[in-house]
Amino acid sequence: MFEYKSQEELYEGLMPALNTRMKYLKRNKIKDITKEDIWNYLKETKWKNSIDLTLADMVQDILHTDSSEIISYKQKEKKNIFN
């Protein structure tokens, strides 16, 4: 089993799934969301307290998390920056 040495390395390992999700969002006219937004949303919400999360679980979450959840997260984060 391969283990990632850092979050940056894991992020790079998940890049194919993140790119696929970005293509899906763009096809559906959602242009404000970035790969970093998807990553941060999942890292700070779904994966925050997860134990024994597999790469397959993470790819599944990237590809299948409801887009509206990511959009709402980004809007809340944007508000937090300005408060």
Protein backbone atom coordinates (compact mmCIF):
# COMPACT_ATOMS: atom_id res chain seq x y z
CA MET A 1 0.00 0.00 0.00
CA PHE A 2 1.33 3.43 -0.96
CA GLU A 3 1.42 6.14 1.69
CA TYR A 4 1.60 9.84 0.93
CA LYS A 5 4.21 11.79 2.85
CA SER A 6 2.38 15.13 2.80
CA GLN A 7 -0.94 16.74 1.98
CA GLU A 8 0.67 18.30 -1.07
CA GLU A 9 1.71 14.87 -2.33
CA LEU A 10 -1.80 13.52 -1.69
CA TYR A 11 -3.31 16.53 -3.48
CA GLU A 12 -1.09 15.81 -6.50
CA GLY A 13 -2.09 12.14 -6.36
CA LEU A 14 -5.76 13.13 -6.47
CA MET A 15 -5.24 15.57 -9.37
CA PRO A 16 -6.77 13.25 -12.03
CA ALA A 17 -10.02 13.04 -10.03
CA LEU A 18 -9.98 16.78 -9.34
CA ASN A 19 -9.44 17.50 -13.06
CA THR A 20 -12.31 15.19 -13.98
CA ARG A 21 -14.58 16.95 -11.50
CA MET A 22 -13.57 20.35 -12.87
CA LYS A 23 -14.49 19.25 -16.40
CA TYR A 24 -17.90 18.13 -15.09
CA LEU A 25 -18.48 21.47 -13.35
CA LYS A 26 -17.49 23.47 -16.43
CA ARG A 27 -19.80 21.38 -18.62
CA ASN A 28 -22.57 22.29 -16.20
CA LYS A 29 -21.73 26.01 -16.36
CA ILE A 30 -20.24 26.16 -12.86
CA LYS A 31 -17.13 28.25 -13.35
CA ASP A 32 -16.45 29.79 -9.94
CA ILE A 33 -15.24 26.58 -8.31
CA THR A 34 -11.56 25.62 -8.44
CA LYS A 35 -9.75 22.36 -7.72
CA GLU A 36 -8.56 23.98 -4.50
CA ASP A 37 -12.16 24.73 -3.50
CA ILE A 38 -13.12 21.08 -3.97
CA TRP A 39 -10.03 19.93 -2.07
CA ASN A 40 -10.56 22.39 0.80
CA TYR A 41 -14.26 21.60 1.09
CA LEU A 42 -13.66 17.87 1.37
CA LYS A 43 -10.60 18.24 3.59
CA GLU A 44 -12.35 20.57 6.01
CA THR A 45 -15.75 18.86 6.10
CA LYS A 46 -16.07 15.26 4.91
CA TRP A 47 -12.53 14.10 5.61
CA LYS A 48 -11.77 16.13 8.73
CA ASN A 49 -12.57 13.40 11.27
CA SER A 50 -12.24 10.37 9.00
CA ILE A 51 -10.20 7.40 10.05
CA ASP A 52 -8.65 4.94 7.59
CA LEU A 53 -9.84 6.89 4.57
CA THR A 54 -8.70 5.17 1.39
CA LEU A 55 -7.65 6.80 -1.84
CA ALA A 56 -10.68 5.17 -3.47
CA ASP A 57 -12.95 6.81 -0.85
CA MET A 58 -11.40 10.18 -1.56
CA VAL A 59 -11.78 9.80 -5.33
CA GLN A 60 -15.41 8.76 -4.80
CA ASP A 61 -16.04 11.89 -2.71
CA ILE A 62 -14.36 14.14 -5.28
CA LEU A 63 -16.43 12.75 -8.12
CA HIS A 64 -19.77 12.45 -6.35
CA THR A 65 -20.13 15.20 -3.75
CA ASP A 66 -23.12 17.38 -4.54
CA SER A 67 -21.92 20.50 -6.37
CA SER A 68 -24.30 22.69 -4.35
CA GLU A 69 -22.46 21.69 -1.15
CA ILE A 70 -19.16 22.88 -2.62
CA ILE A 71 -20.74 26.11 -3.87
CA SER A 72 -22.27 26.80 -0.44
CA TYR A 73 -18.92 26.12 1.23
CA LYS A 74 -17.14 28.55 -1.08
CA GLN A 75 -19.76 31.25 -0.46
CA LYS A 76 -19.39 30.85 3.32
CA GLU A 77 -15.60 30.97 3.07
CA LYS A 78 -15.80 34.11 0.97
CA LYS A 79 -18.00 35.78 3.61
CA ASN A 80 -15.57 34.74 6.37
CA ILE A 81 -12.71 36.46 4.55
CA PHE A 82 -14.58 39.76 4.52
CA ASN A 83 -15.82 39.62 8.13
